[in-house]
C-alpha atoms as a PDB file:
ATOM      1  CA  MET A   1     -22.512 -43.332  35.426  1.00  0.00           C
ATOM      2  CA  VAL A   2     -23.164 -42.382  31.772  1.00  0.00           C
ATOM      3  CA  TYR A   3     -21.398 -39.531  29.959  1.00  0.00           C
ATOM      4  CA  THR A   4     -23.680 -37.227  27.977  1.00  0.00           C
ATOM      5  CA  PRO A   5     -21.969 -34.519  25.875  1.00  0.00           C
ATOM      6  CA  ILE A   6     -23.176 -30.950  26.298  1.00  0.00           C
ATOM      7  CA  ASN A   7     -21.918 -29.492  23.006  1.00  0.00           C
ATOM      8  CA  PRO A   8     -24.322 -30.252  20.122  1.00  0.00           C
ATOM      9  CA  SER A   9     -21.341 -30.569  17.759  1.00  0.00           C
ATOM     10  CA  PHE A  10     -20.284 -33.675  19.684  1.00  0.00           C
ATOM     11  CA  GLY A  11     -23.689 -35.307  20.071  1.00  0.00           C
ATOM     12  CA  GLY A  12     -25.133 -33.120  22.826  1.00  0.00           C
ATOM     13  CA  ASN A  13     -28.594 -31.645  23.004  1.00  0.00           C
ATOM     14  CA  PRO A  14     -29.215 -29.147  20.093  1.00  0.00           C
ATOM     15  CA  LEU A  15     -31.029 -26.824  22.510  1.00  0.00           C
ATOM     16  CA  ASN A  16     -27.691 -26.165  24.270  1.00  0.00           C
ATOM     17  CA  SER A  17     -26.263 -24.321  21.228  1.00  0.00           C
ATOM     18  CA  THR A  18     -27.832 -20.953  22.136  1.00  0.00           C
ATOM     19  CA  ILE A  19     -26.526 -21.152  25.692  1.00  0.00           C
ATOM     20  CA  LEU A  20     -23.023 -22.083  24.518  1.00  0.00           C
ATOM     21  CA  ILE A  21     -22.941 -19.220  21.969  1.00  0.00           C
ATOM     22  CA  ASN A  22     -24.077 -16.728  24.613  1.00  0.00           C
ATOM     23  CA  HIS A  23     -21.372 -17.904  27.018  1.00  0.00           C
ATOM     24  CA  ALA A  24     -18.713 -17.689  24.290  1.00  0.00           C
ATOM     25  CA  ASN A  25     -19.797 -14.155  23.333  1.00  0.00           C
ATOM     26  CA  ALA A  26     -19.801 -13.083  26.977  1.00  0.00           C
ATOM     27  CA  ILE A  27     -16.146 -14.022  27.493  1.00  0.00           C
ATOM     28  CA  ASN A  28     -14.975 -12.875  24.039  1.00  0.00           C
ATOM     29  CA  ASP A  29     -13.005  -9.619  24.402  1.00  0.00           C
ATOM     30  CA  TYR A  30     -12.091  -9.356  20.702  1.00  0.00           C
ATOM     31  CA  SER A  31     -13.588  -6.466  18.776  1.00  0.00           C
ATOM     32  CA  ALA A  32     -13.509  -6.099  15.020  1.00  0.00           C
ATOM     33  CA  PRO A  33     -11.202  -3.377  13.608  1.00  0.00           C
ATOM     34  CA  ASN A  34     -14.138  -1.365  12.239  1.00  0.00           C
ATOM     35  CA  SER A  35     -15.971  -1.256  15.562  1.00  0.00           C
ATOM     36  CA  GLY A  36     -14.452   1.999  16.817  1.00  0.00           C
ATOM     37  CA  SER A  37     -11.127   0.656  18.048  1.00  0.00           C
ATOM     38  CA  GLY A  38      -9.099   3.235  16.108  1.00  0.00           C
ATOM     39  CA  PHE A  39      -8.325   1.069  13.077  1.00  0.00           C
ATOM     40  CA  GLU A  40     -10.899   2.507  10.742  1.00  0.00           C
ATOM     41  CA  PHE A  41     -10.106   2.241   7.054  1.00  0.00           C
ATOM     42  CA  GLU A  42     -11.580   4.450   4.398  1.00  0.00           C
ATOM     43  CA  SER A  43     -12.374   2.845   1.106  1.00  0.00           C
ATOM     44  CA  GLU A  44     -10.616   4.351  -1.863  1.00  0.00           C
ATOM     45  CA  THR A  45     -12.857   6.194  -4.294  1.00  0.00           C
ATOM     46  CA  ALA A  46     -12.764   5.679  -8.038  1.00  0.00           C
ATOM     47  CA  LEU A  47     -11.267   9.163  -8.448  1.00  0.00           C
ATOM     48  CA  ASP A  48      -8.454   8.331  -6.007  1.00  0.00           C
ATOM     49  CA  ARG A  49      -7.678   5.119  -7.883  1.00  0.00           C
ATOM     50  CA  LEU A  50      -7.664   6.970 -11.209  1.00  0.00           C
ATOM     51  CA  ALA A  51      -5.325   9.660  -9.876  1.00  0.00           C
ATOM     52  CA  GLU A  52      -2.994   7.016  -8.448  1.00  0.00           C
ATOM     53  CA  ARG A  53      -2.861   5.101 -11.739  1.00  0.00           C
ATOM     54  CA  LEU A  54      -2.341   8.304 -13.713  1.00  0.00           C
ATOM     55  CA  GLU A  55       0.558   9.315 -11.458  1.00  0.00           C
ATOM     56  CA  SER A  56       2.079   5.875 -11.896  1.00  0.00           C
ATOM     57  CA  GLN A  57       1.744   6.060 -15.679  1.00  0.00           C
ATOM     58  CA  LEU A  58       3.295   9.536 -15.795  1.00  0.00           C
ATOM     59  CA  ILE A  59       6.216   8.434 -13.637  1.00  0.00           C
ATOM     60  CA  ASN A  60       6.805   5.438 -15.932  1.00  0.00           C
ATOM     61  CA  GLN A  61       6.707   7.715 -18.969  1.00  0.00           C
ATOM     62  CA  LEU A  62       9.126  10.134 -17.313  1.00  0.00           C
ATOM     63  CA  PHE A  63      11.602   7.335 -16.615  1.00  0.00           C
ATOM     64  CA  SER A  64      11.337   6.023 -20.163  1.00  0.00           C
ATOM     65  CA  GLU A  65      12.065   9.512 -21.529  1.00  0.00           C
ATOM     66  CA  VAL A  66      15.206   9.682 -19.406  1.00  0.00           C
ATOM     67  CA  GLY A  67      16.486   6.626 -21.262  1.00  0.00           C
ATOM     68  CA  ASN A  68      16.183   8.618 -24.485  1.00  0.00           C
ATOM     69  CA  GLY A  69      18.422  11.352 -23.107  1.00  0.00           C
ATOM     70  CA  ASN A  70      15.623  13.658 -21.932  1.00  0.00           C
ATOM     71  CA  SER A  71      15.177  15.029 -18.446  1.00  0.00           C
ATOM     72  CA  GLY A  72      11.883  15.888 -16.853  1.00  0.00           C
ATOM     73  CA  GLN A  73       9.870  16.867 -13.827  1.00  0.00           C
ATOM     74  CA  LEU A  74       6.582  15.683 -12.351  1.00  0.00           C
ATOM     75  CA  GLU A  75       4.775  17.666  -9.669  1.00  0.00           C
ATOM     76  CA  THR A  76       1.779  16.354  -7.728  1.00  0.00           C
ATOM     77  CA  ASP A  77      -0.053  17.501  -4.609  1.00  0.00           C
ATOM     78  CA  SER A  78       2.266  15.373  -2.469  1.00  0.00           C
ATOM     79  CA  PHE A  79       5.685  15.443  -4.105  1.00  0.00           C
ATOM     80  CA  ILE A  80       7.975  16.804  -6.814  1.00  0.00           C
ATOM     81  CA  LEU A  81       9.997  14.327  -8.870  1.00  0.00           C
ATOM     82  CA  ASN A  82      12.849  15.807 -10.888  1.00  0.00           C
ATOM     83  CA  ILE A  83      15.000  13.630 -13.146  1.00  0.00           C
ATOM     84  CA  VAL A  84      18.125  15.034 -14.771  1.00  0.00           C
ATOM     85  CA  GLU A  85      20.939  13.424 -16.711  1.00  0.00           C
ATOM     86  CA  GLY A  86      24.142  13.239 -14.706  1.00  0.00           C
ATOM     87  CA  SER A  87      27.591  14.230 -15.873  1.00  0.00           C
ATOM     88  CA  SER A  88      28.967  10.661 -16.014  1.00  0.00           C
ATOM     89  CA  GLY A  89      26.187   9.194 -18.146  1.00  0.00           C
ATOM     90  CA  GLY A  90      24.025   8.403 -15.142  1.00  0.00           C
ATOM     91  CA  VAL A  91      20.798   9.897 -13.897  1.00  0.00           C
ATOM     92  CA  THR A  92      20.035  11.965 -10.811  1.00  0.00           C
ATOM     93  CA  ILE A  93      16.557  11.548  -9.331  1.00  0.00           C
ATOM     94  CA  GLN A  94      15.530  14.298  -6.929  1.00  0.00           C
ATOM     95  CA  LEU A  95      12.481  13.740  -4.733  1.00  0.00           C
ATOM     96  CA  PHE A  96      10.845  16.450  -2.636  1.00  0.00           C
ATOM     97  CA  ASP A  97       7.970  15.631  -0.288  1.00  0.00           C
ATOM     98  CA  LYS A  98       5.714  18.691  -0.130  1.00  0.00           C
ATOM     99  CA  ILE A  99       3.927  17.501   2.994  1.00  0.00           C
ATOM    100  CA  THR A 100       6.920  16.818   5.246  1.00  0.00           C
ATOM    101  CA  GLY A 101       9.490  19.012   3.479  1.00  0.00           C
ATOM    102  CA  GLU A 102      11.925  16.109   3.219  1.00  0.00           C
ATOM    103  CA  SER A 103      14.036  15.651   0.117  1.00  0.00           C
ATOM    104  CA  SER A 104      16.077  12.781  -1.280  1.00  0.00           C
ATOM    105  CA  GLU A 105      18.509  12.456  -4.128  1.00  0.00           C
ATOM    106  CA  ILE A 106      19.216   9.181  -5.886  1.00  0.00           C
ATOM    107  CA  LEU A 107      22.170   8.779  -8.227  1.00  0.00           C
ATOM    108  CA  VAL A 108      21.833   6.024 -10.817  1.00  0.00           C
ATOM    109  CA  SER A 109      24.756   5.100 -13.041  1.00  0.00           C
ATOM    110  CA  GLY A 110      24.988   2.602 -15.867  1.00  0.00           C
ATOM    111  CA  ILE A 111      21.928   3.628 -17.871  1.00  0.00           C
ATOM    112  CA  ASN A 112      22.404   3.375 -21.612  1.00  0.00           C
ATOM    113  CA  GLN A 113      20.490   5.328 -24.259  1.00  0.00           C
ATOM    114  CA  LEU A 114      17.685   2.742 -24.369  1.00  0.00           C
ATOM    115  CA  GLY A 115      16.831   3.271 -20.718  1.00  0.00           C
ATOM    116  CA  GLU A 116      18.108  -0.135 -19.668  1.00  0.00           C
ATOM    117  CA  LEU A 117      20.238  -0.636 -16.615  1.00  0.00           C
ATOM    118  CA  ASN A 118      23.674  -2.145 -17.261  1.00  0.00           C
ATOM    119  CA  LEU A 119      24.518  -4.565 -14.467  1.00  0.00           C
END
């Protein structure tokens, strides 16, 4: 009795590769996420990326102005961000989600006039 491998990767006949691939595909129940399984992702457009970066830059600028003693507000399609100086030298950050109607308030203390956090 002589052993002859079937799989061409292990020395078997190269003509068996098509048969082995067809068998593997027949029993494979995995489907790629973009093949209609409900996990479809939309690619972000250049305009969306620009708007996201602009919002980020404006939020950074708003926070840096708070360190100089200024308060400010930023309103987008999705949210309203309101930053006011608190009574004890801290900062109150008020967030309002326009889509869900939820709001949050964050109190930050220990901010000096340079906008740095004292730990």
